[in-house]
């Protein structure tokens, strides 16, 4: 299931038998306990976390809200947010 902000997706939810898997937009920056994906060709701005209890879900909700804020800010800057979006280089700035 995908959740939109409303322009673009910022959260994907994957129900599993004993857990929920959340893939969140991070903008390539640390976001709580969300683990950044380390794919060679994609997902530089995305991360994931597994939810196995109600406590985990409560802890993750602020990160979901922050993900939503981050993608809205990124959209306002007209930067790409998709799975294959690359991190913008800050070299020389």
C-alpha atoms as a PDB file:
ATOM      1  CA  UNK A   1       0.000   0.000   0.000  1.00  0.00           C
ATOM      2  CA  UNK A   2       1.311   3.420  -0.859  1.00  0.00           C
ATOM      3  CA  UNK A   3       0.545   6.665   0.946  1.00  0.00           C
ATOM      4  CA  UNK A   4       0.758  10.001  -0.814  1.00  0.00           C
ATOM      5  CA  UNK A   5       1.301  13.554   0.404  1.00  0.00           C
ATOM      6  CA  UNK A   6      -0.822  14.051  -1.990  1.00  0.00           C
ATOM      7  CA  UNK A   7       1.555  14.746  -4.887  1.00  0.00           C
ATOM      8  CA  UNK A   8       3.954  11.826  -4.439  1.00  0.00           C
ATOM      9  CA  UNK A   9       4.334   8.707  -2.347  1.00  0.00           C
ATOM     10  CA  UNK A  10       6.247   9.073   0.919  1.00  0.00           C
ATOM     11  CA  UNK A  11       5.385   5.757   2.596  1.00  0.00           C
ATOM     12  CA  UNK A  12       4.897   2.197   1.426  1.00  0.00           C
ATOM     13  CA  UNK A  13       3.370  -0.318   3.817  1.00  0.00           C
ATOM     14  CA  UNK A  14       3.928  -4.047   3.374  1.00  0.00           C
ATOM     15  CA  UNK A  15       1.854  -6.237   5.731  1.00  0.00           C
ATOM     16  CA  UNK A  16       3.555  -9.490   6.661  1.00  0.00           C
ATOM     17  CA  UNK A  17       2.382 -12.367   8.793  1.00  0.00           C
ATOM     18  CA  UNK A  18       4.055 -11.181  12.023  1.00  0.00           C
ATOM     19  CA  UNK A  19       5.066  -7.615  11.202  1.00  0.00           C
ATOM     20  CA  UNK A  20       4.585  -4.533   9.086  1.00  0.00           C
ATOM     21  CA  UNK A  21       7.345  -3.319   6.838  1.00  0.00           C
ATOM     22  CA  UNK A  22       7.459   0.438   6.249  1.00  0.00           C
ATOM     23  CA  UNK A  23       9.509   2.006   3.480  1.00  0.00           C
ATOM     24  CA  UNK A  24       9.762   5.740   4.141  1.00  0.00           C
ATOM     25  CA  UNK A  25      11.077   8.732   2.270  1.00  0.00           C
ATOM     26  CA  UNK A  26      14.099   9.999   4.218  1.00  0.00           C
ATOM     27  CA  UNK A  27      15.621  12.428   1.759  1.00  0.00           C
ATOM     28  CA  UNK A  28      18.883  10.564   2.284  1.00  0.00           C
ATOM     29  CA  UNK A  29      19.187  11.764   5.893  1.00  0.00           C
ATOM     30  CA  UNK A  30      18.968   9.916   9.205  1.00  0.00           C
ATOM     31  CA  UNK A  31      15.415   9.391  10.405  1.00  0.00           C
ATOM     32  CA  UNK A  32      15.077   7.721  13.806  1.00  0.00           C
ATOM     33  CA  UNK A  33      15.685   3.979  13.588  1.00  0.00           C
ATOM     34  CA  UNK A  34      14.807   3.884   9.898  1.00  0.00           C
ATOM     35  CA  UNK A  35      17.621   2.067   8.113  1.00  0.00           C
ATOM     36  CA  UNK A  36      18.782   3.670   4.880  1.00  0.00           C
ATOM     37  CA  UNK A  37      18.730   1.364   1.880  1.00  0.00           C
ATOM     38  CA  UNK A  38      22.179   0.693   0.486  1.00  0.00           C
ATOM     39  CA  UNK A  39      21.281  -0.281  -3.043  1.00  0.00           C
ATOM     40  CA  UNK A  40      23.894   0.508  -5.654  1.00  0.00           C
ATOM     41  CA  UNK A  41      21.382   1.867  -8.148  1.00  0.00           C
ATOM     42  CA  UNK A  42      18.434   3.321  -6.319  1.00  0.00           C
ATOM     43  CA  UNK A  43      16.660   4.155  -3.099  1.00  0.00           C
ATOM     44  CA  UNK A  44      19.241   6.714  -1.976  1.00  0.00           C
ATOM     45  CA  UNK A  45      16.426   8.820  -0.508  1.00  0.00           C
ATOM     46  CA  UNK A  46      14.506   5.933   1.053  1.00  0.00           C
ATOM     47  CA  UNK A  47      14.794   3.717   4.110  1.00  0.00           C
ATOM     48  CA  UNK A  48      12.885   0.965   5.861  1.00  0.00           C
ATOM     49  CA  UNK A  49      11.830  -0.222   9.275  1.00  0.00           C
ATOM     50  CA  UNK A  50      10.045  -3.340  10.550  1.00  0.00           C
ATOM     51  CA  UNK A  51       7.188  -2.973  13.035  1.00  0.00           C
ATOM     52  CA  UNK A  52       6.630  -6.029  15.220  1.00  0.00           C
ATOM     53  CA  UNK A  53       4.587  -4.598  18.116  1.00  0.00           C
ATOM     54  CA  UNK A  54       2.216  -1.794  19.071  1.00  0.00           C
ATOM     55  CA  UNK A  55       5.143  -0.154  20.876  1.00  0.00           C
ATOM     56  CA  UNK A  56       7.208  -0.195  17.679  1.00  0.00           C
ATOM     57  CA  UNK A  57       4.309   1.428  15.847  1.00  0.00           C
ATOM     58  CA  UNK A  58       4.011   4.193  18.444  1.00  0.00           C
ATOM     59  CA  UNK A  59       7.742   4.880  18.147  1.00  0.00           C
ATOM     60  CA  UNK A  60       7.548   4.953  14.340  1.00  0.00           C
ATOM     61  CA  UNK A  61       4.662   7.429  14.032  1.00  0.00           C
ATOM     62  CA  UNK A  62       6.836  10.543  14.541  1.00  0.00           C
ATOM     63  CA  UNK A  63       9.177   9.228  11.822  1.00  0.00           C
ATOM     64  CA  UNK A  64       6.221   8.811   9.461  1.00  0.00           C
ATOM     65  CA  UNK A  65       5.205  12.417  10.172  1.00  0.00           C
ATOM     66  CA  UNK A  66       8.779  13.598   9.582  1.00  0.00           C
ATOM     67  CA  UNK A  67       8.915  11.635   6.316  1.00  0.00           C
ATOM     68  CA  UNK A  68       5.774  13.460   5.190  1.00  0.00           C
ATOM     69  CA  UNK A  69       7.323  16.836   6.070  1.00  0.00           C
ATOM     70  CA  UNK A  70      10.545  15.970   4.263  1.00  0.00           C
ATOM     71  CA  UNK A  71       8.869  14.954   1.032  1.00  0.00           C
ATOM     72  CA  UNK A  72       6.686  18.063   1.033  1.00  0.00           C
ATOM     73  CA  UNK A  73       9.805  20.223   1.429  1.00  0.00           C
ATOM     74  CA  UNK A  74      11.575  18.302  -1.330  1.00  0.00           C
ATOM     75  CA  UNK A  75       8.608  18.751  -3.659  1.00  0.00           C
ATOM     76  CA  UNK A  76       8.574  22.494  -2.879  1.00  0.00           C
ATOM     77  CA  UNK A  77      12.230  22.606  -4.018  1.00  0.00           C
ATOM     78  CA  UNK A  78      11.206  20.720  -7.170  1.00  0.00           C
ATOM     79  CA  UNK A  79      13.692  17.914  -6.500  1.00  0.00           C
ATOM     80  CA  UNK A  80      13.116  14.276  -7.519  1.00  0.00           C
ATOM     81  CA  UNK A  81      11.817  11.908  -4.831  1.00  0.00           C
ATOM     82  CA  UNK A  82      11.348   8.591  -6.618  1.00  0.00           C
ATOM     83  CA  UNK A  83      12.999   5.261  -5.944  1.00  0.00           C
ATOM     84  CA  UNK A  84      15.724   5.985  -8.494  1.00  0.00           C
ATOM     85  CA  UNK A  85      16.216   9.637  -7.497  1.00  0.00           C
ATOM     86  CA  UNK A  86      19.851  10.395  -6.762  1.00  0.00           C
ATOM     87  CA  UNK A  87      21.070  12.480  -3.846  1.00  0.00           C
ATOM     88  CA  UNK A  88      21.985  15.970  -4.948  1.00  0.00           C
ATOM     89  CA  UNK A  89      25.706  16.635  -4.750  1.00  0.00           C
ATOM     90  CA  UNK A  90      26.803  19.325  -2.321  1.00  0.00           C
ATOM     91  CA  UNK A  91      30.408  19.367  -3.510  1.00  0.00           C
ATOM     92  CA  UNK A  92      31.802  22.847  -4.078  1.00  0.00           C
ATOM     93  CA  UNK A  93      29.005  24.571  -2.167  1.00  0.00           C
END
